[in-house]
Amino acid sequence: MSFPWLACTPPREGGADRRAKVAAAELASRAGVLYRLGFSEAAATQRLTATVAWEYDLGRASAPYRRPDALSDTAIAKIVADTFARRPG
């Protein structure tokens, strides 16, 4: 017996890249909020790095829970630096 609702559609190509871009845009938005709240660049970087580590690094080795390379600590620091350089207001 077949169940049509059981068949999964294959994931779209480039899905991981799109998710990383959305996450980077969200981090830039959060960095802008932290800038407007008066956080220093170092404090904002530390806070966002800890947030991403909490969201992705759950002690699981499986692929869905691993932090993407586009959201490494260095990449987050660059996103924060670029956002602070724009001086969002």
N, C-alpha and C. Protein backbone atom coordinates (compact mmCIF):
# COMPACT_ATOMS: atom_id res chain seq x y z
N MET A 1 0.85 -1.17 0.00
CA MET A 1 0.00 0.00 0.00
C MET A 1 0.90 1.24 0.00
N SER A 2 0.59 2.18 -0.85
CA SER A 2 1.40 3.40 -0.89
C SER A 2 0.65 4.54 -0.21
N PHE A 3 1.40 5.44 0.34
CA PHE A 3 0.85 6.61 1.00
C PHE A 3 1.40 7.86 0.31
N PRO A 4 0.59 8.59 -0.42
CA PRO A 4 1.12 9.74 -1.15
C PRO A 4 1.66 10.84 -0.25
N TRP A 5 1.15 10.96 0.94
CA TRP A 5 1.62 11.99 1.86
C TRP A 5 2.97 11.65 2.47
N LEU A 6 3.41 10.40 2.29
CA LEU A 6 4.67 9.97 2.87
C LEU A 6 5.86 10.35 2.00
N ALA A 7 5.64 10.62 0.74
CA ALA A 7 6.73 10.98 -0.17
C ALA A 7 7.20 12.40 0.12
N CYS A 8 8.49 12.55 0.26
CA CYS A 8 9.07 13.88 0.55
C CYS A 8 9.57 14.50 -0.75
N THR A 9 9.40 15.79 -0.84
CA THR A 9 9.96 16.49 -1.99
C THR A 9 11.44 16.72 -1.73
N PRO A 10 12.27 16.64 -2.75
CA PRO A 10 13.71 16.85 -2.55
C PRO A 10 13.98 18.32 -2.21
N PRO A 11 15.01 18.57 -1.43
CA PRO A 11 15.33 19.96 -1.09
C PRO A 11 15.80 20.74 -2.32
N ARG A 12 15.57 22.03 -2.30
CA ARG A 12 16.00 22.88 -3.42
C ARG A 12 17.52 23.00 -3.42
N GLU A 13 18.05 23.27 -4.60
CA GLU A 13 19.49 23.47 -4.71
C GLU A 13 19.86 24.81 -4.09
N GLY A 14 20.99 24.83 -3.42
CA GLY A 14 21.47 26.07 -2.83
C GLY A 14 20.75 26.47 -1.56
N GLY A 15 20.03 25.56 -0.96
CA GLY A 15 19.28 25.87 0.25
C GLY A 15 20.17 26.28 1.40
N ALA A 16 21.31 25.63 1.54
CA ALA A 16 22.22 25.95 2.63
C ALA A 16 22.77 27.37 2.47
N ASP A 17 23.07 27.74 1.23
CA ASP A 17 23.57 29.10 0.98
C ASP A 17 22.52 30.15 1.29
N ARG A 18 21.29 29.86 0.91
CA ARG A 18 20.20 30.81 1.19
C ARG A 18 19.97 30.95 2.70
N ARG A 19 20.02 29.84 3.41
CA ARG A 19 19.85 29.91 4.86
C ARG A 19 20.98 30.70 5.52
N ALA A 20 22.20 30.52 5.03
CA ALA A 20 23.34 31.26 5.58
C ALA A 20 23.20 32.76 5.31
N LYS A 21 22.71 33.12 4.12
CA LYS A 21 22.51 34.54 3.80
C LYS A 21 21.44 35.16 4.69
N VAL A 22 20.37 34.43 4.93
CA VAL A 22 19.30 34.92 5.80
C VAL A 22 19.83 35.08 7.23
N ALA A 23 20.61 34.12 7.69
CA ALA A 23 21.17 34.20 9.05
C ALA A 23 22.13 35.38 9.15
N ALA A 24 22.94 35.63 8.11
CA ALA A 24 23.86 36.77 8.12
C ALA A 24 23.09 38.09 8.13
N ALA A 25 22.00 38.16 7.38
CA ALA A 25 21.18 39.37 7.38
C ALA A 25 20.55 39.60 8.74
N GLU A 26 20.12 38.53 9.39
CA GLU A 26 19.54 38.67 10.72
C GLU A 26 20.59 39.13 11.73
N LEU A 27 21.81 38.61 11.60
CA LEU A 27 22.89 39.05 12.49
C LEU A 27 23.22 40.52 12.27
N ALA A 28 23.20 40.97 11.02
CA ALA A 28 23.44 42.39 10.73
C ALA A 28 22.34 43.24 11.36
N SER A 29 21.12 42.77 11.29
CA SER A 29 20.01 43.50 11.90
C SER A 29 20.17 43.56 13.42
N ARG A 30 20.53 42.44 14.02
CA ARG A 30 20.75 42.42 15.47
C ARG A 30 21.92 43.33 15.86
N ALA A 31 22.97 43.33 15.04
CA ALA A 31 24.12 44.20 15.31
C ALA A 31 23.70 45.66 15.26
N GLY A 32 22.81 46.01 14.34
CA GLY A 32 22.30 47.37 14.27
C GLY A 32 21.52 47.75 15.52
N VAL A 33 20.73 46.82 16.03
CA VAL A 33 19.98 47.07 17.26
C VAL A 33 20.95 47.26 18.43
N LEU A 34 21.96 46.41 18.51
CA LEU A 34 22.94 46.54 19.60
C LEU A 34 23.71 47.85 19.49
N TYR A 35 23.99 48.29 18.27
CA TYR A 35 24.66 49.58 18.07
C TYR A 35 23.78 50.71 18.62
N ARG A 36 22.51 50.67 18.26
CA ARG A 36 21.60 51.72 18.72
C ARG A 36 21.37 51.67 20.23
N LEU A 37 21.56 50.51 20.84
CA LEU A 37 21.43 50.40 22.29
C LEU A 37 22.70 50.83 23.03
N GLY A 38 23.75 51.14 22.27
CA GLY A 38 24.97 51.64 22.89
C GLY A 38 26.02 50.59 23.20
N PHE A 39 25.89 49.40 22.66
CA PHE A 39 26.90 48.37 22.87
C PHE A 39 28.17 48.73 22.10
N SER A 40 29.31 48.34 22.63
CA SER A 40 30.55 48.50 21.88
C SER A 40 30.62 47.41 20.82
N GLU A 41 31.52 47.59 19.87
CA GLU A 41 31.66 46.58 18.80
C GLU A 41 32.09 45.24 19.39
N ALA A 42 33.01 45.27 20.34
CA ALA A 42 33.49 44.03 20.96
C ALA A 42 32.37 43.33 21.73
N ALA A 43 31.58 44.10 22.46
CA ALA A 43 30.48 43.50 23.24
C ALA A 43 29.42 42.93 22.32
N ALA A 44 29.12 43.63 21.24
CA ALA A 44 28.13 43.13 20.28
C ALA A 44 28.62 41.85 19.62
N THR A 45 29.90 41.83 19.26
CA THR A 45 30.48 40.63 18.63
C THR A 45 30.41 39.46 19.60
N GLN A 46 30.78 39.70 20.85
CA GLN A 46 30.75 38.63 21.84
C GLN A 46 29.33 38.11 22.05
N ARG A 47 28.38 39.02 22.13
CA ARG A 47 26.98 38.63 22.36
C ARG A 47 26.43 37.83 21.19
N LEU A 48 26.67 38.29 19.96
CA LEU A 48 26.15 37.59 18.79
C LEU A 48 26.85 36.26 18.57
N THR A 49 28.14 36.20 18.85
CA THR A 49 28.87 34.93 18.74
C THR A 49 28.32 33.91 19.72
N ALA A 50 28.04 34.35 20.94
CA ALA A 50 27.47 33.44 21.93
C ALA A 50 26.07 32.99 21.53
N THR A 51 25.30 33.89 20.93
CA THR A 51 23.95 33.54 20.50
C THR A 51 23.99 32.48 19.40
N VAL A 52 24.86 32.68 18.42
CA VAL A 52 24.97 31.71 17.32
C VAL A 52 25.48 30.38 17.85
N ALA A 53 26.44 30.42 18.76
CA ALA A 53 26.96 29.17 19.34
C ALA A 53 25.85 28.43 20.07
N TRP A 54 25.00 29.17 20.78
CA TRP A 54 23.89 28.54 21.49
C TRP A 54 22.87 27.96 20.52
N GLU A 55 22.62 28.66 19.41
CA GLU A 55 21.61 28.20 18.46
C GLU A 55 22.06 26.97 17.69
N TYR A 56 23.34 26.87 17.37
CA TYR A 56 23.80 25.79 16.49
C TYR A 56 24.59 24.70 17.21
N ASP A 57 25.41 25.03 18.15
CA ASP A 57 26.30 24.06 18.77
C ASP A 57 25.63 23.43 19.97
N LEU A 58 24.83 22.43 19.72
CA LEU A 58 24.07 21.79 20.78
C LEU A 58 24.70 20.47 21.23
N GLY A 59 25.96 20.28 20.90
CA GLY A 59 26.62 19.06 21.29
C GLY A 59 26.28 17.88 20.40
N ARG A 60 25.64 18.15 19.31
CA ARG A 60 25.27 17.08 18.39
C ARG A 60 26.21 17.12 17.19
N ALA A 61 26.61 15.97 16.72
CA ALA A 61 27.53 15.91 15.60
C ALA A 61 26.81 15.79 14.27
N SER A 62 25.50 15.66 14.29
CA SER A 62 24.79 15.46 13.03
C SER A 62 24.73 16.76 12.24
N ALA A 63 24.64 16.65 10.95
CA ALA A 63 24.72 17.79 10.03
C ALA A 63 23.68 18.88 10.25
N PRO A 64 22.42 18.60 10.54
CA PRO A 64 21.45 19.69 10.67
C PRO A 64 21.75 20.65 11.81
N TYR A 65 22.53 20.21 12.79
CA TYR A 65 22.77 21.05 13.96
C TYR A 65 24.15 21.70 13.96
N ARG A 66 24.95 21.41 12.95
CA ARG A 66 26.28 21.98 12.88
C ARG A 66 26.23 23.42 12.40
N ARG A 67 27.05 24.28 12.97
CA ARG A 67 27.08 25.67 12.56
C ARG A 67 27.69 25.79 11.17
N PRO A 68 27.04 26.52 10.27
CA PRO A 68 27.61 26.71 8.93
C PRO A 68 28.90 27.52 8.98
N ASP A 69 29.77 27.30 8.03
CA ASP A 69 31.03 28.04 7.97
C ASP A 69 30.79 29.54 7.79
N ALA A 70 29.69 29.90 7.15
CA ALA A 70 29.37 31.31 6.95
C ALA A 70 29.02 32.02 8.25
N LEU A 71 28.82 31.26 9.33
CA LEU A 71 28.50 31.85 10.63
C LEU A 71 29.58 31.55 11.67
N SER A 72 30.82 31.50 11.20
CA SER A 72 31.93 31.29 12.12
C SER A 72 32.14 32.55 12.96
N ASP A 73 32.96 32.44 13.98
CA ASP A 73 33.23 33.60 14.83
C ASP A 73 33.85 34.74 14.03
N THR A 74 34.73 34.41 13.10
CA THR A 74 35.36 35.43 12.27
C THR A 74 34.33 36.10 11.37
N ALA A 75 33.43 35.33 10.79
CA ALA A 75 32.40 35.90 9.92
C ALA A 75 31.46 36.80 10.71
N ILE A 76 31.13 36.41 11.92
CA ILE A 76 30.25 37.23 12.77
C ILE A 76 30.95 38.54 13.11
N ALA A 77 32.24 38.47 13.44
CA ALA A 77 32.99 39.70 13.76
C ALA A 77 33.01 40.65 12.56
N LYS A 78 33.11 40.10 11.35
CA LYS A 78 33.10 40.94 10.14
C LYS A 78 31.73 41.57 9.93
N ILE A 79 30.67 40.81 10.15
CA ILE A 79 29.31 41.34 10.00
C ILE A 79 29.10 42.50 10.98
N VAL A 80 29.53 42.30 12.22
CA VAL A 80 29.37 43.35 13.23
C VAL A 80 30.21 44.57 12.87
N ALA A 81 31.45 44.36 12.44
CA ALA A 81 32.31 45.48 12.08
C ALA A 81 31.73 46.27 10.91
N ASP A 82 31.21 45.57 9.91
CA ASP A 82 30.60 46.25 8.76
C ASP A 82 29.37 47.03 9.18
N THR A 83 28.57 46.46 10.06
CA THR A 83 27.35 47.14 10.53
C THR A 83 27.71 48.36 11.36
N PHE A 84 28.68 48.24 12.25
CA PHE A 84 29.07 49.38 13.07
C PHE A 84 29.72 50.47 12.22
N ALA A 85 30.41 50.09 11.15
CA ALA A 85 31.05 51.08 10.27
C ALA A 85 29.98 51.92 9.55
N ARG A 86 28.82 51.34 9.29
CA ARG A 86 27.72 52.08 8.63
C ARG A 86 27.04 53.03 9.58
N ARG A 87 27.20 52.81 10.89
CA ARG A 87 26.55 53.61 11.93
C ARG A 87 25.04 53.68 11.72
N PRO A 88 24.38 52.53 11.84
CA PRO A 88 22.93 52.52 11.60
C PRO A 88 22.19 53.39 12.62
N GLY A 89 21.24 54.10 12.13
CA GLY A 89 20.55 54.99 13.06
C GLY A 89 19.14 55.01 12.84
